[in-house]
Amino acid sequence: MDDTSQIQPPASFADLFRSRAGVLKTPIAEVVARYELCDDLACHLVEQAQTLYHSGNSSEEGVLLGFHSALAAEGSVVTAVEAGWVIQRLAELLEWKAPRLPDGAESA
């Protein structure tokens, strides 16, 4: 995406910032910064998700949906669509099935 950055957000993340015509609507530096934040957040949540799951409080899906609910709430550091991407990434890192998120929350 950007020859000056070593960090290349995956298409699944960059698509969150594209118009229907496929044009990037946000400066690339901001997309990279948002990607770093979201990917770091997903990585950070791995241990917490495993702890919640193994404590017997919920199913894999329940853990992921609980995190999504918190991340998509007003005042969160991430937007609703970014929250959806974080949960998809978290599921990938945990090797869990990604949950069906509420309408409007699916990542691109």
PDB file of N, CA and C in Angstrom:
ATOM      1  N   MET A   1       0.813  -1.199   0.000  1.00  0.00           N
ATOM      2  CA  MET A   1       0.000   0.000   0.000  1.00  0.00           C
ATOM      3  C   MET A   1       0.857   1.264   0.000  1.00  0.00           C
ATOM      4  N   ASP A   2       1.926   1.241   0.780  1.00  0.00           N
ATOM      5  CA  ASP A   2       2.738   2.441   0.914  1.00  0.00           C
ATOM      6  C   ASP A   2       4.201   2.034   0.885  1.00  0.00           C
ATOM      7  N   ASP A   3       4.938   2.555  -0.066  1.00  0.00           N
ATOM      8  CA  ASP A   3       6.334   2.180  -0.222  1.00  0.00           C
ATOM      9  C   ASP A   3       7.217   2.666   0.922  1.00  0.00           C
ATOM     10  N   THR A   4       6.786   3.656   1.694  1.00  0.00           N
ATOM     11  CA  THR A   4       7.622   4.205   2.755  1.00  0.00           C
ATOM     12  C   THR A   4       7.422   3.499   4.088  1.00  0.00           C
ATOM     13  N   SER A   5       6.412   2.683   4.216  1.00  0.00           N
ATOM     14  CA  SER A   5       6.131   1.976   5.456  1.00  0.00           C
ATOM     15  C   SER A   5       6.415   0.499   5.284  1.00  0.00           C
ATOM     16  N   GLN A   6       7.047  -0.094   6.303  1.00  0.00           N
ATOM     17  CA  GLN A   6       7.283  -1.528   6.269  1.00  0.00           C
ATOM     18  C   GLN A   6       6.030  -2.292   6.673  1.00  0.00           C
ATOM     19  N   ILE A   7       5.087  -1.609   7.283  1.00  0.00           N
ATOM     20  CA  ILE A   7       3.846  -2.238   7.708  1.00  0.00           C
ATOM     21  C   ILE A   7       2.832  -2.125   6.581  1.00  0.00           C
ATOM     22  N   GLN A   8       2.308  -3.261   6.189  1.00  0.00           N
ATOM     23  CA  GLN A   8       1.323  -3.308   5.113  1.00  0.00           C
ATOM     24  C   GLN A   8       0.035  -3.912   5.671  1.00  0.00           C
ATOM     25  N   PRO A   9      -0.971  -3.099   5.946  1.00  0.00           N
ATOM     26  CA  PRO A   9      -2.231  -3.649   6.442  1.00  0.00           C
ATOM     27  C   PRO A   9      -2.811  -4.647   5.440  1.00  0.00           C
ATOM     28  N   PRO A  10      -3.381  -5.735   5.931  1.00  0.00           N
ATOM     29  CA  PRO A  10      -4.001  -6.681   5.000  1.00  0.00           C
ATOM     30  C   PRO A  10      -5.199  -6.041   4.315  1.00  0.00           C
ATOM     31  N   ALA A  11      -5.555  -6.598   3.182  1.00  0.00           N
ATOM     32  CA  ALA A  11      -6.689  -6.061   2.414  1.00  0.00           C
ATOM     33  C   ALA A  11      -7.962  -6.027   3.249  1.00  0.00           C
ATOM     34  N   SER A  12      -8.153  -7.030   4.113  1.00  0.00           N
ATOM     35  CA  SER A  12      -9.366  -7.071   4.937  1.00  0.00           C
ATOM     36  C   SER A  12      -9.480  -5.847   5.834  1.00  0.00           C
ATOM     37  N   PHE A  13      -8.345  -5.302   6.249  1.00  0.00           N
ATOM     38  CA  PHE A  13      -8.379  -4.097   7.081  1.00  0.00           C
ATOM     39  C   PHE A  13      -8.459  -2.851   6.208  1.00  0.00           C
ATOM     40  N   ALA A  14      -7.635  -2.764   5.182  1.00  0.00           N
ATOM     41  CA  ALA A  14      -7.629  -1.584   4.307  1.00  0.00           C
ATOM     42  C   ALA A  14      -8.996  -1.356   3.681  1.00  0.00           C
ATOM     43  N   ASP A  15      -9.730  -2.443   3.414  1.00  0.00           N
ATOM     44  CA  ASP A  15     -11.059  -2.315   2.807  1.00  0.00           C
ATOM     45  C   ASP A  15     -12.038  -1.550   3.694  1.00  0.00           C
ATOM     46  N   LEU A  16     -11.768  -1.499   4.990  1.00  0.00           N
ATOM     47  CA  LEU A  16     -12.627  -0.731   5.900  1.00  0.00           C
ATOM     48  C   LEU A  16     -12.580   0.762   5.576  1.00  0.00           C
ATOM     49  N   PHE A  17     -11.530   1.171   4.886  1.00  0.00           N
ATOM     50  CA  PHE A  17     -11.297   2.582   4.602  1.00  0.00           C
ATOM     51  C   PHE A  17     -11.447   2.915   3.117  1.00  0.00           C
ATOM     52  N   ARG A  18     -12.043   2.023   2.357  1.00  0.00           N
ATOM     53  CA  ARG A  18     -12.225   2.241   0.925  1.00  0.00           C
ATOM     54  C   ARG A  18     -13.676   2.596   0.605  1.00  0.00           C
ATOM     55  N   SER A  19     -13.825   3.381  -0.451  1.00  0.00           N
ATOM     56  CA  SER A  19     -15.169   3.685  -0.957  1.00  0.00           C
ATOM     57  C   SER A  19     -15.671   2.467  -1.717  1.00  0.00           C
ATOM     58  N   ARG A  20     -16.924   2.496  -2.119  1.00  0.00           N
ATOM     59  CA  ARG A  20     -17.473   1.389  -2.917  1.00  0.00           C
ATOM     60  C   ARG A  20     -16.719   1.209  -4.217  1.00  0.00           C
ATOM     61  N   ALA A  21     -16.143   2.283  -4.700  1.00  0.00           N
ATOM     62  CA  ALA A  21     -15.371   2.227  -5.943  1.00  0.00           C
ATOM     63  C   ALA A  21     -13.952   1.692  -5.711  1.00  0.00           C
ATOM     64  N   GLY A  22     -13.602   1.422  -4.458  1.00  0.00           N
ATOM     65  CA  GLY A  22     -12.290   0.875  -4.143  1.00  0.00           C
ATOM     66  C   GLY A  22     -11.216   1.903  -3.873  1.00  0.00           C
ATOM     67  N   VAL A  23     -11.607   3.169  -3.778  1.00  0.00           N
ATOM     68  CA  VAL A  23     -10.649   4.247  -3.542  1.00  0.00           C
ATOM     69  C   VAL A  23     -10.456   4.427  -2.042  1.00  0.00           C
ATOM     70  N   LEU A  24      -9.225   4.514  -1.609  1.00  0.00           N
ATOM     71  CA  LEU A  24      -8.918   4.736  -0.204  1.00  0.00           C
ATOM     72  C   LEU A  24      -9.422   6.111   0.208  1.00  0.00           C
ATOM     73  N   LYS A  25     -10.275   6.169   1.240  1.00  0.00           N
ATOM     74  CA  LYS A  25     -10.893   7.422   1.687  1.00  0.00           C
ATOM     75  C   LYS A  25     -10.100   8.101   2.793  1.00  0.00           C
ATOM     76  N   THR A  26      -9.102   7.426   3.315  1.00  0.00           N
ATOM     77  CA  THR A  26      -8.338   7.893   4.468  1.00  0.00           C
ATOM     78  C   THR A  26      -6.862   7.890   4.096  1.00  0.00           C
ATOM     79  N   PRO A  27      -6.094   8.864   4.561  1.00  0.00           N
ATOM     80  CA  PRO A  27      -4.655   8.861   4.259  1.00  0.00           C
ATOM     81  C   PRO A  27      -3.998   7.553   4.714  1.00  0.00           C
ATOM     82  N   ILE A  28      -3.087   7.051   3.905  1.00  0.00           N
ATOM     83  CA  ILE A  28      -2.459   5.762   4.177  1.00  0.00           C
ATOM     84  C   ILE A  28      -1.776   5.731   5.543  1.00  0.00           C
ATOM     85  N   ALA A  29      -1.170   6.815   5.956  1.00  0.00           N
ATOM     86  CA  ALA A  29      -0.507   6.848   7.265  1.00  0.00           C
ATOM     87  C   ALA A  29      -1.513   6.591   8.390  1.00  0.00           C
ATOM     88  N   GLU A  30      -2.716   7.118   8.242  1.00  0.00           N
ATOM     89  CA  GLU A  30      -3.748   6.893   9.249  1.00  0.00           C
ATOM     90  C   GLU A  30      -4.244   5.450   9.214  1.00  0.00           C
ATOM     91  N   VAL A  31      -4.390   4.886   8.028  1.00  0.00           N
ATOM     92  CA  VAL A  31      -4.812   3.489   7.899  1.00  0.00           C
ATOM     93  C   VAL A  31      -3.781   2.580   8.578  1.00  0.00           C
ATOM     94  N   VAL A  32      -2.507   2.836   8.340  1.00  0.00           N
ATOM     95  CA  VAL A  32      -1.440   2.036   8.953  1.00  0.00           C
ATOM     96  C   VAL A  32      -1.480   2.174  10.471  1.00  0.00           C
ATOM     97  N   ALA A  33      -1.661   3.382  10.966  1.00  0.00           N
ATOM     98  CA  ALA A  33      -1.728   3.601  12.413  1.00  0.00           C
ATOM     99  C   ALA A  33      -2.929   2.883  13.025  1.00  0.00           C
ATOM    100  N   ARG A  34      -4.072   2.948  12.355  1.00  0.00           N
ATOM    101  CA  ARG A  34      -5.277   2.267  12.854  1.00  0.00           C
ATOM    102  C   ARG A  34      -5.076   0.750  12.825  1.00  0.00           C
ATOM    103  N   TYR A  35      -4.426   0.258  11.773  1.00  0.00           N
ATOM    104  CA  TYR A  35      -4.143  -1.173  11.684  1.00  0.00           C
ATOM    105  C   TYR A  35      -3.253  -1.618  12.842  1.00  0.00           C
ATOM    106  N   GLU A  36      -2.205  -0.868  13.111  1.00  0.00           N
ATOM    107  CA  GLU A  36      -1.308  -1.221  14.210  1.00  0.00           C
ATOM    108  C   GLU A  36      -2.077  -1.290  15.529  1.00  0.00           C
ATOM    109  N   LEU A  37      -2.928  -0.308  15.769  1.00  0.00           N
ATOM    110  CA  LEU A  37      -3.734  -0.284  16.983  1.00  0.00           C
ATOM    111  C   LEU A  37      -4.637  -1.515  17.054  1.00  0.00           C
ATOM    112  N   CYS A  38      -5.363  -1.791  15.986  1.00  0.00           N
ATOM    113  CA  CYS A  38      -6.325  -2.896  15.983  1.00  0.00           C
ATOM    114  C   CYS A  38      -5.643  -4.251  16.085  1.00  0.00           C
ATOM    115  N   ASP A  39      -4.542  -4.437  15.375  1.00  0.00           N
ATOM    116  CA  ASP A  39      -3.842  -5.715  15.435  1.00  0.00           C
ATOM    117  C   ASP A  39      -3.224  -5.913  16.822  1.00  0.00           C
ATOM    118  N   ASP A  40      -2.641  -4.872  17.383  1.00  0.00           N
ATOM    119  CA  ASP A  40      -2.087  -4.955  18.742  1.00  0.00           C
ATOM    120  C   ASP A  40      -3.179  -5.288  19.747  1.00  0.00           C
ATOM    121  N   LEU A  41      -4.349  -4.686  19.580  1.00  0.00           N
ATOM    122  CA  LEU A  41      -5.468  -4.943  20.475  1.00  0.00           C
ATOM    123  C   LEU A  41      -5.892  -6.408  20.384  1.00  0.00           C
ATOM    124  N   ALA A  42      -6.011  -6.939  19.183  1.00  0.00           N
ATOM    125  CA  ALA A  42      -6.384  -8.342  19.008  1.00  0.00           C
ATOM    126  C   ALA A  42      -5.357  -9.260  19.674  1.00  0.00           C
ATOM    127  N   CYS A  43      -4.082  -8.974  19.477  1.00  0.00           N
ATOM    128  CA  CYS A  43      -3.023  -9.790  20.087  1.00  0.00           C
ATOM    129  C   CYS A  43      -3.079  -9.711  21.607  1.00  0.00           C
ATOM    130  N   HIS A  44      -3.348  -8.539  22.119  1.00  0.00           N
ATOM    131  CA  HIS A  44      -3.432  -8.329  23.568  1.00  0.00           C
ATOM    132  C   HIS A  44      -4.594  -9.103  24.182  1.00  0.00           C
ATOM    133  N   LEU A  45      -5.672  -9.266  23.436  1.00  0.00           N
ATOM    134  CA  LEU A  45      -6.867  -9.917  23.965  1.00  0.00           C
ATOM    135  C   LEU A  45      -6.804 -11.446  23.948  1.00  0.00           C
ATOM    136  N   VAL A  46      -5.807 -12.015  23.297  1.00  0.00           N
ATOM    137  CA  VAL A  46      -5.708 -13.470  23.188  1.00  0.00           C
ATOM    138  C   VAL A  46      -5.695 -14.130  24.568  1.00  0.00           C
ATOM    139  N   GLU A  47      -4.791 -13.706  25.417  1.00  0.00           N
ATOM    140  CA  GLU A  47      -4.665 -14.329  26.739  1.00  0.00           C
ATOM    141  C   GLU A  47      -5.928 -14.138  27.569  1.00  0.00           C
ATOM    142  N   GLN A  48      -6.516 -12.949  27.502  1.00  0.00           N
ATOM    143  CA  GLN A  48      -7.746 -12.698  28.254  1.00  0.00           C
ATOM    144  C   GLN A  48      -8.882 -13.588  27.755  1.00  0.00           C
ATOM    145  N   ALA A  49      -8.984 -13.772  26.441  1.00  0.00           N
ATOM    146  CA  ALA A  49     -10.034 -14.616  25.868  1.00  0.00           C
ATOM    147  C   ALA A  49      -9.852 -16.070  26.313  1.00  0.00           C
ATOM    148  N   GLN A  50      -8.611 -16.546  26.284  1.00  0.00           N
ATOM    149  CA  GLN A  50      -8.346 -17.914  26.709  1.00  0.00           C
ATOM    150  C   GLN A  50      -8.686 -18.104  28.185  1.00  0.00           C
ATOM    151  N   THR A  51      -8.343 -17.126  28.998  1.00  0.00           N
ATOM    152  CA  THR A  51      -8.639 -17.202  30.425  1.00  0.00           C
ATOM    153  C   THR A  51     -10.143 -17.258  30.662  1.00  0.00           C
ATOM    154  N   LEU A  52     -10.888 -16.396  29.990  1.00  0.00           N
ATOM    155  CA  LEU A  52     -12.347 -16.409  30.140  1.00  0.00           C
ATOM    156  C   LEU A  52     -12.940 -17.737  29.697  1.00  0.00           C
ATOM    157  N   TYR A  53     -12.474 -18.229  28.573  1.00  0.00           N
ATOM    158  CA  TYR A  53     -13.016 -19.479  28.043  1.00  0.00           C
ATOM    159  C   TYR A  53     -12.709 -20.646  28.978  1.00  0.00           C
ATOM    160  N   HIS A  54     -11.471 -20.734  29.438  1.00  0.00           N
ATOM    161  CA  HIS A  54     -11.064 -21.873  30.258  1.00  0.00           C
ATOM    162  C   HIS A  54     -11.566 -21.790  31.698  1.00  0.00           C
ATOM    163  N   SER A  55     -12.070 -20.645  32.088  1.00  0.00           N
ATOM    164  CA  SER A  55     -12.651 -20.541  33.432  1.00  0.00           C
ATOM    165  C   SER A  55     -14.082 -21.069  33.438  1.00  0.00           C
ATOM    166  N   GLY A  56     -14.570 -21.477  32.269  1.00  0.00           N
ATOM    167  CA  GLY A  56     -15.880 -22.094  32.167  1.00  0.00           C
ATOM    168  C   GLY A  56     -17.038 -21.120  32.147  1.00  0.00           C
ATOM    169  N   ASN A  57     -16.760 -19.846  31.953  1.00  0.00           N
ATOM    170  CA  ASN A  57     -17.817 -18.844  31.985  1.00  0.00           C
ATOM    171  C   ASN A  57     -18.613 -18.743  30.698  1.00  0.00           C
ATOM    172  N   SER A  58     -18.073 -19.251  29.590  1.00  0.00           N
ATOM    173  CA  SER A  58     -18.747 -19.005  28.337  1.00  0.00           C
ATOM    174  C   SER A  58     -18.239 -19.934  27.251  1.00  0.00           C
ATOM    175  N   SER A  59     -18.868 -19.860  26.104  1.00  0.00           N
ATOM    176  CA  SER A  59     -18.404 -20.557  24.907  1.00  0.00           C
ATOM    177  C   SER A  59     -17.397 -19.665  24.186  1.00  0.00           C
ATOM    178  N   GLU A  60     -16.708 -20.216  23.206  1.00  0.00           N
ATOM    179  CA  GLU A  60     -15.802 -19.405  22.388  1.00  0.00           C
ATOM    180  C   GLU A  60     -16.565 -18.235  21.784  1.00  0.00           C
ATOM    181  N   GLU A  61     -17.732 -18.548  21.209  1.00  0.00           N
ATOM    182  CA  GLU A  61     -18.544 -17.505  20.588  1.00  0.00           C
ATOM    183  C   GLU A  61     -18.960 -16.456  21.621  1.00  0.00           C
ATOM    184  N   GLY A  62     -19.342 -16.902  22.802  1.00  0.00           N
ATOM    185  CA  GLY A  62     -19.754 -15.973  23.853  1.00  0.00           C
ATOM    186  C   GLY A  62     -18.632 -15.037  24.263  1.00  0.00           C
ATOM    187  N   VAL A  63     -17.423 -15.573  24.363  1.00  0.00           N
ATOM    188  CA  VAL A  63     -16.261 -14.745  24.710  1.00  0.00           C
ATOM    189  C   VAL A  63     -16.039 -13.694  23.634  1.00  0.00           C
ATOM    190  N   LEU A  64     -16.033 -14.123  22.380  1.00  0.00           N
ATOM    191  CA  LEU A  64     -15.785 -13.190  21.279  1.00  0.00           C
ATOM    192  C   LEU A  64     -16.884 -12.134  21.174  1.00  0.00           C
ATOM    193  N   LEU A  65     -18.128 -12.547  21.324  1.00  0.00           N
ATOM    194  CA  LEU A  65     -19.229 -11.576  21.253  1.00  0.00           C
ATOM    195  C   LEU A  65     -19.199 -10.609  22.427  1.00  0.00           C
ATOM    196  N   GLY A  66     -18.777 -11.067  23.577  1.00  0.00           N
ATOM    197  CA  GLY A  66     -18.634 -10.171  24.725  1.00  0.00           C
ATOM    198  C   GLY A  66     -17.573  -9.109  24.472  1.00  0.00           C
ATOM    199  N   PHE A  67     -16.438  -9.536  23.935  1.00  0.00           N
ATOM    200  CA  PHE A  67     -15.400  -8.569  23.588  1.00  0.00           C
ATOM    201  C   PHE A  67     -15.906  -7.600  22.527  1.00  0.00           C
ATOM    202  N   HIS A  68     -16.628  -8.125  21.535  1.00  0.00           N
ATOM    203  CA  HIS A  68     -17.139  -7.252  20.481  1.00  0.00           C
ATOM    204  C   HIS A  68     -18.077  -6.201  21.055  1.00  0.00           C
ATOM    205  N   SER A  69     -18.943  -6.616  21.941  1.00  0.00           N
ATOM    206  CA  SER A  69     -19.887  -5.685  22.557  1.00  0.00           C
ATOM    207  C   SER A  69     -19.148  -4.547  23.258  1.00  0.00           C
ATOM    208  N   ALA A  70     -18.098  -4.891  23.965  1.00  0.00           N
ATOM    209  CA  ALA A  70     -17.313  -3.871  24.669  1.00  0.00           C
ATOM    210  C   ALA A  70     -16.570  -2.964  23.684  1.00  0.00           C
ATOM    211  N   LEU A  71     -15.982  -3.545  22.664  1.00  0.00           N
ATOM    212  CA  LEU A  71     -15.203  -2.757  21.707  1.00  0.00           C
ATOM    213  C   LEU A  71     -16.073  -1.867  20.823  1.00  0.00           C
ATOM    214  N   ALA A  72     -17.290  -2.302  20.557  1.00  0.00           N
ATOM    215  CA  ALA A  72     -18.180  -1.539  19.673  1.00  0.00           C
ATOM    216  C   ALA A  72     -18.971  -0.473  20.433  1.00  0.00           C
ATOM    217  N   ALA A  73     -18.824  -0.423  21.730  1.00  0.00           N
ATOM    218  CA  ALA A  73     -19.580   0.532  22.542  1.00  0.00           C
ATOM    219  C   ALA A  73     -19.108   1.965  22.291  1.00  0.00           C
ATOM    220  N   GLU A  74     -20.003   2.896  22.523  1.00  0.00           N
ATOM    221  CA  GLU A  74     -19.670   4.312  22.378  1.00  0.00           C
ATOM    222  C   GLU A  74     -18.506   4.655  23.305  1.00  0.00           C
ATOM    223  N   GLY A  75     -17.584   5.444  22.799  1.00  0.00           N
ATOM    224  CA  GLY A  75     -16.423   5.853  23.578  1.00  0.00           C
ATOM    225  C   GLY A  75     -15.238   4.915  23.456  1.00  0.00           C
ATOM    226  N   SER A  76     -15.388   3.856  22.674  1.00  0.00           N
ATOM    227  CA  SER A  76     -14.295   2.909  22.475  1.00  0.00           C
ATOM    228  C   SER A  76     -13.175   3.559  21.667  1.00  0.00           C
ATOM    229  N   VAL A  77     -11.997   3.025  21.820  1.00  0.00           N
ATOM    230  CA  VAL A  77     -10.838   3.522  21.076  1.00  0.00           C
ATOM    231  C   VAL A  77     -10.895   3.122  19.606  1.00  0.00           C
ATOM    232  N   VAL A  78     -11.754   2.151  19.261  1.00  0.00           N
ATOM    233  CA  VAL A  78     -11.911   1.713  17.877  1.00  0.00           C
ATOM    234  C   VAL A  78     -13.338   1.980  17.411  1.00  0.00           C
ATOM    235  N   THR A  79     -13.502   2.111  16.106  1.00  0.00           N
ATOM    236  CA  THR A  79     -14.838   2.299  15.537  1.00  0.00           C
ATOM    237  C   THR A  79     -15.573   0.954  15.527  1.00  0.00           C
ATOM    238  N   ALA A  80     -16.851   0.984  15.232  1.00  0.00           N
ATOM    239  CA  ALA A  80     -17.645  -0.248  15.191  1.00  0.00           C
ATOM    240  C   ALA A  80     -17.117  -1.226  14.141  1.00  0.00           C
ATOM    241  N   VAL A  81     -16.767  -0.744  12.959  1.00  0.00           N
ATOM    242  CA  VAL A  81     -16.256  -1.658  11.929  1.00  0.00           C
ATOM    243  C   VAL A  81     -14.868  -2.162  12.290  1.00  0.00           C
ATOM    244  N   GLU A  82     -14.067  -1.330  12.926  1.00  0.00           N
ATOM    245  CA  GLU A  82     -12.764  -1.793  13.396  1.00  0.00           C
ATOM    246  C   GLU A  82     -12.941  -2.853  14.480  1.00  0.00           C
ATOM    247  N   ALA A  83     -13.930  -2.678  15.350  1.00  0.00           N
ATOM    248  CA  ALA A  83     -14.217  -3.676  16.391  1.00  0.00           C
ATOM    249  C   ALA A  83     -14.533  -5.017  15.746  1.00  0.00           C
ATOM    250  N   GLY A  84     -15.303  -4.999  14.668  1.00  0.00           N
ATOM    251  CA  GLY A  84     -15.605  -6.233  13.951  1.00  0.00           C
ATOM    252  C   GLY A  84     -14.343  -6.886  13.415  1.00  0.00           C
ATOM    253  N   TRP A  85     -13.434  -6.087  12.876  1.00  0.00           N
ATOM    254  CA  TRP A  85     -12.184  -6.624  12.350  1.00  0.00           C
ATOM    255  C   TRP A  85     -11.337  -7.195  13.486  1.00  0.00           C
ATOM    256  N   VAL A  86     -11.270  -6.503  14.609  1.00  0.00           N
ATOM    257  CA  VAL A  86     -10.492  -6.976  15.759  1.00  0.00           C
ATOM    258  C   VAL A  86     -10.998  -8.353  16.195  1.00  0.00           C
ATOM    259  N   ILE A  87     -12.303  -8.530  16.241  1.00  0.00           N
ATOM    260  CA  ILE A  87     -12.866  -9.809  16.669  1.00  0.00           C
ATOM    261  C   ILE A  87     -12.565 -10.906  15.647  1.00  0.00           C
ATOM    262  N   GLN A  88     -12.639 -10.580  14.369  1.00  0.00           N
ATOM    263  CA  GLN A  88     -12.276 -11.554  13.338  1.00  0.00           C
ATOM    264  C   GLN A  88     -10.805 -11.962  13.486  1.00  0.00           C
ATOM    265  N   ARG A  89      -9.955 -10.990  13.733  1.00  0.00           N
ATOM    266  CA  ARG A  89      -8.518 -11.255  13.910  1.00  0.00           C
ATOM    267  C   ARG A  89      -8.272 -12.053  15.186  1.00  0.00           C
ATOM    268  N   LEU A  90      -8.966 -11.708  16.259  1.00  0.00           N
ATOM    269  CA  LEU A  90      -8.826 -12.433  17.514  1.00  0.00           C
ATOM    270  C   LEU A  90      -9.221 -13.898  17.331  1.00  0.00           C
ATOM    271  N   ALA A  91     -10.321 -14.134  16.647  1.00  0.00           N
ATOM    272  CA  ALA A  91     -10.751 -15.508  16.375  1.00  0.00           C
ATOM    273  C   ALA A  91      -9.674 -16.260  15.585  1.00  0.00           C
ATOM    274  N   GLU A  92      -9.095 -15.582  14.619  1.00  0.00           N
ATOM    275  CA  GLU A  92      -8.027 -16.186  13.817  1.00  0.00           C
ATOM    276  C   GLU A  92      -6.831 -16.552  14.693  1.00  0.00           C
ATOM    277  N   LEU A  93      -6.414 -15.637  15.559  1.00  0.00           N
ATOM    278  CA  LEU A  93      -5.270 -15.882  16.439  1.00  0.00           C
ATOM    279  C   LEU A  93      -5.530 -17.036  17.403  1.00  0.00           C
ATOM    280  N   LEU A  94      -6.769 -17.147  17.866  1.00  0.00           N
ATOM    281  CA  LEU A  94      -7.138 -18.205  18.803  1.00  0.00           C
ATOM    282  C   LEU A  94      -7.450 -19.534  18.106  1.00  0.00           C
ATOM    283  N   GLU A  95      -7.577 -19.477  16.776  1.00  0.00           N
ATOM    284  CA  GLU A  95      -7.997 -20.624  15.979  1.00  0.00           C
ATOM    285  C   GLU A  95      -9.395 -21.079  16.396  1.00  0.00           C
ATOM    286  N   TRP A  96     -10.262 -20.076  16.627  1.00  0.00           N
ATOM    287  CA  TRP A  96     -11.666 -20.296  16.950  1.00  0.00           C
ATOM    288  C   TRP A  96     -12.489 -19.889  15.732  1.00  0.00           C
ATOM    289  N   LYS A  97     -13.686 -20.411  15.661  1.00  0.00           N
ATOM    290  CA  LYS A  97     -14.607 -20.014  14.599  1.00  0.00           C
ATOM    291  C   LYS A  97     -15.046 -18.571  14.868  1.00  0.00           C
ATOM    292  N   ALA A  98     -14.946 -17.737  13.851  1.00  0.00           N
ATOM    293  CA  ALA A  98     -15.375 -16.333  13.992  1.00  0.00           C
ATOM    294  C   ALA A  98     -16.890 -16.292  14.156  1.00  0.00           C
ATOM    295  N   PRO A  99     -17.383 -15.505  15.110  1.00  0.00           N
ATOM    296  CA  PRO A  99     -18.825 -15.444  15.319  1.00  0.00           C
ATOM    297  C   PRO A  99     -19.509 -14.578  14.274  1.00  0.00           C
ATOM    298  N   ARG A 100     -20.783 -14.787  14.126  1.00  0.00           N
ATOM    299  CA  ARG A 100     -21.589 -13.876  13.302  1.00  0.00           C
ATOM    300  C   ARG A 100     -21.839 -12.655  14.159  1.00  0.00           C
ATOM    301  N   LEU A 101     -21.372 -11.524  13.682  1.00  0.00           N
ATOM    302  CA  LEU A 101     -21.507 -10.274  14.433  1.00  0.00           C
ATOM    303  C   LEU A 101     -22.846  -9.615  14.101  1.00  0.00           C
ATOM    304  N   PRO A 102     -23.312  -8.737  14.983  1.00  0.00           N
ATOM    305  CA  PRO A 102     -24.566  -8.020  14.713  1.00  0.00           C
ATOM    306  C   PRO A 102     -24.501  -7.296  13.376  1.00  0.00           C
ATOM    307  N   ASP A 103     -25.641  -7.139  12.712  1.00  0.00           N
ATOM    308  CA  ASP A 103     -25.692  -6.439  11.436  1.00  0.00           C
ATOM    309  C   ASP A 103     -25.017  -5.086  11.540  1.00  0.00           C
ATOM    310  N   GLY A 104     -24.249  -4.740  10.508  1.00  0.00           N
ATOM    311  CA  GLY A 104     -23.550  -3.457  10.481  1.00  0.00           C
ATOM    312  C   GLY A 104     -22.190  -3.500  11.155  1.00  0.00           C
ATOM    313  N   ALA A 105     -21.873  -4.620  11.802  1.00  0.00           N
ATOM    314  CA  ALA A 105     -20.600  -4.714  12.507  1.00  0.00           C
ATOM    315  C   ALA A 105     -19.595  -5.583  11.780  1.00  0.00           C
ATOM    316  N   GLU A 106     -20.035  -6.232  10.714  1.00  0.00           N
ATOM    317  CA  GLU A 106     -19.129  -7.106   9.979  1.00  0.00           C
ATOM    318  C   GLU A 106     -18.019  -6.288   9.351  1.00  0.00           C
ATOM    319  N   SER A 107     -16.809  -6.830   9.392  1.00  0.00           N
ATOM    320  CA  SER A 107     -15.719  -6.164   8.696  1.00  0.00           C
ATOM    321  C   SER A 107     -15.849  -6.455   7.216  1.00  0.00           C
ATOM    322  N   ALA A 108     -15.253  -5.598   6.417  1.00  0.00           N
ATOM    323  CA  ALA A 108     -15.361  -5.736   4.958  1.00  0.00           C
ATOM    324  C   ALA A 108     -14.667  -6.983   4.472  1.00  0.00           C
TER     325      ALA A 108
END
